[in-house]
Amino acid sequence: MKIRPLYDRVVVRRKEEETATAGGILLSGSAIEKPNQGEIVAVGDGKVLDNGEQRALAVKVGDKVVFGQYAGSNTIEVDGEELILMSESEIYAVVE
């Protein structure tokens, strides 16, 4: 199944959760924080401006992005994979 977000929304695959600290200590399920980084897997056509024109998004498929801890509260499941649906404005930066 494919998914195509509308307008200025993007679909992000969250980066894998770390199960151990840098020192090698294994973390339990409740101590693991969800990462605030991911890869964009789909983008909408763009934001519709007040004058009716459409502005293209600043991100593209394949970009690695940083977003807020509470960004993308809409999770969806596509082909058994959990993805996040968020607005472009919830993305803080592109990792290069």
C-alpha atoms as a PDB file:
ATOM      1  CA  MET A   1       0.000   0.000   0.000  1.00  0.00           C
ATOM      2  CA  LYS A   2       1.253   3.493  -0.821  1.00  0.00           C
ATOM      3  CA  ILE A   3       0.417   6.682   0.993  1.00  0.00           C
ATOM      4  CA  ARG A   4       0.403  10.255  -0.321  1.00  0.00           C
ATOM      5  CA  PRO A   5      -0.059  13.001   2.260  1.00  0.00           C
ATOM      6  CA  LEU A   6      -2.062  16.094   1.377  1.00  0.00           C
ATOM      7  CA  TYR A   7      -0.887  19.712   1.226  1.00  0.00           C
ATOM      8  CA  ASP A   8       2.033  20.509   3.587  1.00  0.00           C
ATOM      9  CA  ARG A   9       2.094  17.172   5.403  1.00  0.00           C
ATOM     10  CA  VAL A  10       4.904  14.626   5.343  1.00  0.00           C
ATOM     11  CA  VAL A  11       5.205  10.971   6.347  1.00  0.00           C
ATOM     12  CA  VAL A  12       8.278  10.147   8.441  1.00  0.00           C
ATOM     13  CA  ARG A  13       9.857   6.812   9.404  1.00  0.00           C
ATOM     14  CA  ARG A  14      11.210   7.275  12.934  1.00  0.00           C
ATOM     15  CA  LYS A  15      14.862   6.354  13.546  1.00  0.00           C
ATOM     16  CA  GLU A  16      15.387   3.103  15.476  1.00  0.00           C
ATOM     17  CA  GLU A  17      15.255   3.401  19.256  1.00  0.00           C
ATOM     18  CA  GLU A  18      18.500   3.030  21.170  1.00  0.00           C
ATOM     19  CA  THR A  19      18.372   0.002  23.477  1.00  0.00           C
ATOM     20  CA  ALA A  20      21.702   0.680  25.193  1.00  0.00           C
ATOM     21  CA  THR A  21      23.551   3.731  26.472  1.00  0.00           C
ATOM     22  CA  ALA A  22      26.917   4.870  25.115  1.00  0.00           C
ATOM     23  CA  GLY A  23      28.531   3.089  28.090  1.00  0.00           C
ATOM     24  CA  GLY A  24      26.857  -0.215  27.147  1.00  0.00           C
ATOM     25  CA  ILE A  25      24.102  -0.268  29.787  1.00  0.00           C
ATOM     26  CA  LEU A  26      20.969  -1.983  28.446  1.00  0.00           C
ATOM     27  CA  LEU A  27      17.776   0.045  28.817  1.00  0.00           C
ATOM     28  CA  SER A  28      14.421  -1.435  29.780  1.00  0.00           C
ATOM     29  CA  GLY A  29      11.344  -0.754  27.671  1.00  0.00           C
ATOM     30  CA  SER A  30      10.073   2.024  29.942  1.00  0.00           C
ATOM     31  CA  ALA A  31      13.448   3.827  29.981  1.00  0.00           C
ATOM     32  CA  ILE A  32      13.773   3.983  26.190  1.00  0.00           C
ATOM     33  CA  GLU A  33      12.910   7.380  24.721  1.00  0.00           C
ATOM     34  CA  LYS A  34      11.495   7.667  21.230  1.00  0.00           C
ATOM     35  CA  PRO A  35      14.057   9.306  18.939  1.00  0.00           C
ATOM     36  CA  ASN A  36      13.279  12.745  17.507  1.00  0.00           C
ATOM     37  CA  GLN A  37      14.903  11.968  14.152  1.00  0.00           C
ATOM     38  CA  GLY A  38      13.660  10.147  11.099  1.00  0.00           C
ATOM     39  CA  GLU A  39      13.604   9.810   7.333  1.00  0.00           C
ATOM     40  CA  ILE A  40      10.919  11.279   5.105  1.00  0.00           C
ATOM     41  CA  VAL A  41       9.151   8.594   3.061  1.00  0.00           C
ATOM     42  CA  ALA A  42       6.411  10.716   1.416  1.00  0.00           C
ATOM     43  CA  VAL A  43       5.579  14.411   0.976  1.00  0.00           C
ATOM     44  CA  GLY A  44       2.450  16.328   0.013  1.00  0.00           C
ATOM     45  CA  ASP A  45       2.129  18.697  -2.947  1.00  0.00           C
ATOM     46  CA  GLY A  46       2.762  21.852  -0.918  1.00  0.00           C
ATOM     47  CA  LYS A  47       1.201  24.482   1.292  1.00  0.00           C
ATOM     48  CA  VAL A  48      -1.699  26.459  -0.128  1.00  0.00           C
ATOM     49  CA  LEU A  49      -1.082  30.163   0.488  1.00  0.00           C
ATOM     50  CA  ASP A  50      -3.728  32.816   1.227  1.00  0.00           C
ATOM     51  CA  ASN A  51      -3.661  34.004  -2.396  1.00  0.00           C
ATOM     52  CA  GLY A  52      -4.428  30.470  -3.649  1.00  0.00           C
ATOM     53  CA  GLU A  53      -0.936  29.667  -4.920  1.00  0.00           C
ATOM     54  CA  GLN A  54       0.838  26.517  -3.814  1.00  0.00           C
ATOM     55  CA  ARG A  55       4.322  26.698  -2.240  1.00  0.00           C
ATOM     56  CA  ALA A  56       6.467  23.589  -2.661  1.00  0.00           C
ATOM     57  CA  LEU A  57       7.813  21.948   0.499  1.00  0.00           C
ATOM     58  CA  ALA A  58      11.396  22.569   1.644  1.00  0.00           C
ATOM     59  CA  VAL A  59      11.933  18.846   2.308  1.00  0.00           C
ATOM     60  CA  LYS A  60      11.912  15.855  -0.025  1.00  0.00           C
ATOM     61  CA  VAL A  61      11.703  12.078   0.172  1.00  0.00           C
ATOM     62  CA  GLY A  62      14.884  10.607   1.632  1.00  0.00           C
ATOM     63  CA  ASP A  63      15.778  13.652   3.764  1.00  0.00           C
ATOM     64  CA  LYS A  64      16.833  12.875   7.326  1.00  0.00           C
ATOM     65  CA  VAL A  65      15.046  15.309   9.633  1.00  0.00           C
ATOM     66  CA  VAL A  66      14.873  16.400  13.269  1.00  0.00           C
ATOM     67  CA  PHE A  67      11.483  17.091  14.836  1.00  0.00           C
ATOM     68  CA  GLY A  68      10.078  17.875  18.274  1.00  0.00           C
ATOM     69  CA  GLN A  69       9.455  15.245  20.916  1.00  0.00           C
ATOM     70  CA  TYR A  70       5.685  15.701  20.676  1.00  0.00           C
ATOM     71  CA  ALA A  71       5.537  16.356  16.922  1.00  0.00           C
ATOM     72  CA  GLY A  72       3.534  14.084  14.708  1.00  0.00           C
ATOM     73  CA  SER A  73       0.993  12.805  17.182  1.00  0.00           C
ATOM     74  CA  ASN A  74      -0.688  11.026  14.242  1.00  0.00           C
ATOM     75  CA  THR A  75       0.850   7.598  13.781  1.00  0.00           C
ATOM     76  CA  ILE A  76      -0.306   5.315  10.994  1.00  0.00           C
ATOM     77  CA  GLU A  77       0.542   1.767  10.055  1.00  0.00           C
ATOM     78  CA  VAL A  78       1.413   1.030   6.422  1.00  0.00           C
ATOM     79  CA  ASP A  79       2.432  -2.495   5.405  1.00  0.00           C
ATOM     80  CA  GLY A  80       3.129  -3.392   9.045  1.00  0.00           C
ATOM     81  CA  GLU A  81       5.407  -0.390   9.600  1.00  0.00           C
ATOM     82  CA  GLU A  82       4.543   2.433  12.012  1.00  0.00           C
ATOM     83  CA  LEU A  83       4.943   5.845  10.367  1.00  0.00           C
ATOM     84  CA  ILE A  84       4.368   9.391  11.600  1.00  0.00           C
ATOM     85  CA  LEU A  85       2.169  11.876   9.757  1.00  0.00           C
ATOM     86  CA  MET A  86       3.130  15.485  10.536  1.00  0.00           C
ATOM     87  CA  SER A  87       3.006  18.971   9.138  1.00  0.00           C
ATOM     88  CA  GLU A  88       6.134  20.431   7.537  1.00  0.00           C
ATOM     89  CA  SER A  89       6.127  23.150  10.214  1.00  0.00           C
ATOM     90  CA  GLU A  90       6.774  20.486  12.895  1.00  0.00           C
ATOM     91  CA  ILE A  91      10.176  19.701  11.333  1.00  0.00           C
ATOM     92  CA  TYR A  92      13.036  21.658  12.921  1.00  0.00           C
ATOM     93  CA  ALA A  93      15.960  20.788  10.635  1.00  0.00           C
ATOM     94  CA  VAL A  94      17.310  18.605   7.835  1.00  0.00           C
ATOM     95  CA  VAL A  95      20.402  16.560   8.735  1.00  0.00           C
ATOM     96  CA  GLU A  96      23.045  16.729   6.005  1.00  0.00           C
END
